Amino acid sequence: MSSLTTASGYTSFLKDIKSRIRSAQYQALRAANKELVGLYWDIGKSIHEKQQTEGWGKAVIQTLAADLQSEFPGQSGFSATNLWYMRQFLRGV
């Protein structure tokens, strides 16, 4: 054990730094989740609006899901099922 780790005040200093790191990580996670919920709501709204104004049917969900998965490979969340959930989330179903 080095003399630094046994020095007066180091243990509390380390504890404070670790606490600040955890707090920042939590805040970043909350911000990211907030952005994703907003994005999902907006995607659901956009789908709903296009279906209403353009007369698009259910098939647009499958096509959109395939195109999004192709554009963002390895990124989950854009399956046809999830896009339906996004649309339902908007409508409160």
C-alpha atoms as a PDB file:
ATOM      1  CA  MET A   1       0.000   0.000   0.000  1.00  0.00           C
ATOM      2  CA  SER A   2       1.474   3.330  -0.997  1.00  0.00           C
ATOM      3  CA  SER A   3       1.800   6.201   1.392  1.00  0.00           C
ATOM      4  CA  LEU A   4      -0.704   8.169  -0.707  1.00  0.00           C
ATOM      5  CA  THR A   5      -3.509   5.702  -0.118  1.00  0.00           C
ATOM      6  CA  THR A   6      -2.937   5.881   3.614  1.00  0.00           C
ATOM      7  CA  ALA A   7      -2.565   9.668   3.643  1.00  0.00           C
ATOM      8  CA  SER A   8      -5.056  11.627   5.673  1.00  0.00           C
ATOM      9  CA  GLY A   9      -8.056  12.621   3.557  1.00  0.00           C
ATOM     10  CA  TYR A  10      -7.300  10.450   0.517  1.00  0.00           C
ATOM     11  CA  THR A  11     -10.038   7.917   1.265  1.00  0.00           C
ATOM     12  CA  SER A  12     -12.711  10.590   1.514  1.00  0.00           C
ATOM     13  CA  PHE A  13     -11.305  12.301  -1.612  1.00  0.00           C
ATOM     14  CA  LEU A  14     -11.562   9.027  -3.569  1.00  0.00           C
ATOM     15  CA  LYS A  15     -15.089   8.440  -2.265  1.00  0.00           C
ATOM     16  CA  ASP A  16     -16.121  11.936  -3.391  1.00  0.00           C
ATOM     17  CA  ILE A  17     -14.638  11.488  -6.882  1.00  0.00           C
ATOM     18  CA  LYS A  18     -16.367   8.123  -7.316  1.00  0.00           C
ATOM     19  CA  SER A  19     -19.644   9.647  -6.191  1.00  0.00           C
ATOM     20  CA  ARG A  20     -19.298  12.495  -8.692  1.00  0.00           C
ATOM     21  CA  ILE A  21     -18.527  10.048 -11.504  1.00  0.00           C
ATOM     22  CA  ARG A  22     -21.593   7.950 -10.669  1.00  0.00           C
ATOM     23  CA  SER A  23     -23.755  11.045 -10.478  1.00  0.00           C
ATOM     24  CA  ALA A  24     -22.559  12.273 -13.876  1.00  0.00           C
ATOM     25  CA  GLN A  25     -23.135   8.837 -15.403  1.00  0.00           C
ATOM     26  CA  TYR A  26     -26.673   8.770 -14.014  1.00  0.00           C
ATOM     27  CA  GLN A  27     -27.412  12.275 -15.317  1.00  0.00           C
ATOM     28  CA  ALA A  28     -26.098  11.323 -18.778  1.00  0.00           C
ATOM     29  CA  LEU A  29     -28.257   8.205 -18.790  1.00  0.00           C
ATOM     30  CA  ARG A  30     -31.349  10.202 -17.825  1.00  0.00           C
ATOM     31  CA  ALA A  31     -30.665  12.761 -20.563  1.00  0.00           C
ATOM     32  CA  ALA A  32     -30.175  10.047 -23.175  1.00  0.00           C
ATOM     33  CA  ASN A  33     -33.393   8.288 -22.132  1.00  0.00           C
ATOM     34  CA  LYS A  34     -35.309  11.574 -22.292  1.00  0.00           C
ATOM     35  CA  GLU A  35     -34.057  12.194 -25.824  1.00  0.00           C
ATOM     36  CA  LEU A  36     -34.950   8.676 -26.953  1.00  0.00           C
ATOM     37  CA  VAL A  37     -38.483   8.906 -25.561  1.00  0.00           C
ATOM     38  CA  GLY A  38     -38.916  12.207 -27.398  1.00  0.00           C
ATOM     39  CA  LEU A  39     -37.555  10.689 -30.600  1.00  0.00           C
ATOM     40  CA  TYR A  40     -39.849   7.660 -30.354  1.00  0.00           C
ATOM     41  CA  TRP A  41     -42.870   9.877 -29.724  1.00  0.00           C
ATOM     42  CA  ASP A  42     -41.943  12.049 -32.707  1.00  0.00           C
ATOM     43  CA  ILE A  43     -41.467   9.035 -34.992  1.00  0.00           C
ATOM     44  CA  GLY A  44     -44.874   7.706 -33.918  1.00  0.00           C
ATOM     45  CA  LYS A  45     -46.435  11.098 -34.585  1.00  0.00           C
ATOM     46  CA  SER A  46     -44.809  11.308 -38.010  1.00  0.00           C
ATOM     47  CA  ILE A  47     -46.038   7.841 -38.965  1.00  0.00           C
ATOM     48  CA  HIS A  48     -49.550   8.651 -37.803  1.00  0.00           C
ATOM     49  CA  GLU A  49     -49.598  11.967 -39.693  1.00  0.00           C
ATOM     50  CA  LYS A  50     -48.362  10.396 -42.931  1.00  0.00           C
ATOM     51  CA  GLN A  51     -50.941   7.660 -42.678  1.00  0.00           C
ATOM     52  CA  GLN A  52     -53.643  10.270 -42.197  1.00  0.00           C
ATOM     53  CA  THR A  53     -52.557  12.818 -44.802  1.00  0.00           C
ATOM     54  CA  GLU A  54     -51.068  10.521 -47.439  1.00  0.00           C
ATOM     55  CA  GLY A  55     -53.399   7.585 -46.955  1.00  0.00           C
ATOM     56  CA  TRP A  56     -50.504   5.252 -46.251  1.00  0.00           C
ATOM     57  CA  GLY A  57     -51.531   1.884 -44.874  1.00  0.00           C
ATOM     58  CA  LYS A  58     -49.947  -0.584 -42.513  1.00  0.00           C
ATOM     59  CA  ALA A  59     -47.358  -1.677 -45.095  1.00  0.00           C
ATOM     60  CA  VAL A  60     -45.433   1.549 -44.586  1.00  0.00           C
ATOM     61  CA  ILE A  61     -44.369   0.295 -41.140  1.00  0.00           C
ATOM     62  CA  GLN A  62     -42.678  -2.802 -42.593  1.00  0.00           C
ATOM     63  CA  THR A  63     -40.955  -0.775 -45.315  1.00  0.00           C
ATOM     64  CA  LEU A  64     -39.828   1.936 -42.896  1.00  0.00           C
ATOM     65  CA  ALA A  65     -38.483  -0.645 -40.454  1.00  0.00           C
ATOM     66  CA  ALA A  66     -36.469  -2.384 -43.171  1.00  0.00           C
ATOM     67  CA  ASP A  67     -35.056   0.910 -44.441  1.00  0.00           C
ATOM     68  CA  LEU A  68     -34.119   2.137 -40.949  1.00  0.00           C
ATOM     69  CA  GLN A  69     -32.481  -1.169 -40.037  1.00  0.00           C
ATOM     70  CA  SER A  70     -30.510  -1.018 -43.273  1.00  0.00           C
ATOM     71  CA  GLU A  71     -29.367   2.534 -42.589  1.00  0.00           C
ATOM     72  CA  PHE A  72     -28.540   1.895 -38.919  1.00  0.00           C
ATOM     73  CA  PRO A  73     -27.227  -1.688 -38.775  1.00  0.00           C
ATOM     74  CA  GLY A  74     -26.664  -3.054 -35.316  1.00  0.00           C
ATOM     75  CA  GLN A  75     -28.808  -0.367 -33.714  1.00  0.00           C
ATOM     76  CA  SER A  76     -31.852  -1.877 -32.080  1.00  0.00           C
ATOM     77  CA  GLY A  77     -35.223  -0.238 -31.642  1.00  0.00           C
ATOM     78  CA  PHE A  78     -36.429   0.209 -35.204  1.00  0.00           C
ATOM     79  CA  SER A  79     -38.193  -3.085 -35.873  1.00  0.00           C
ATOM     80  CA  ALA A  80     -41.699  -3.048 -37.308  1.00  0.00           C
ATOM     81  CA  THR A  81     -43.046  -4.036 -33.897  1.00  0.00           C
ATOM     82  CA  ASN A  82     -41.259  -1.158 -32.199  1.00  0.00           C
ATOM     83  CA  LEU A  83     -42.456   1.300 -34.842  1.00  0.00           C
ATOM     84  CA  TRP A  84     -46.022   0.146 -34.118  1.00  0.00           C
ATOM     85  CA  TYR A  85     -45.394   0.704 -30.415  1.00  0.00           C
ATOM     86  CA  MET A  86     -44.148   4.214 -31.206  1.00  0.00           C
ATOM     87  CA  ARG A  87     -47.302   4.949 -33.151  1.00  0.00           C
ATOM     88  CA  GLN A  88     -49.468   3.539 -30.365  1.00  0.00           C
ATOM     89  CA  PHE A  89     -47.503   5.511 -27.777  1.00  0.00           C
ATOM     90  CA  LEU A  90     -48.509   8.695 -29.563  1.00  0.00           C
ATOM     91  CA  ARG A  91     -52.154   7.716 -29.584  1.00  0.00           C
ATOM     92  CA  GLY A  92     -52.155   6.568 -25.981  1.00  0.00           C
ATOM     93  CA  VAL A  93     -53.283   3.079 -26.935  1.00  0.00           C
END
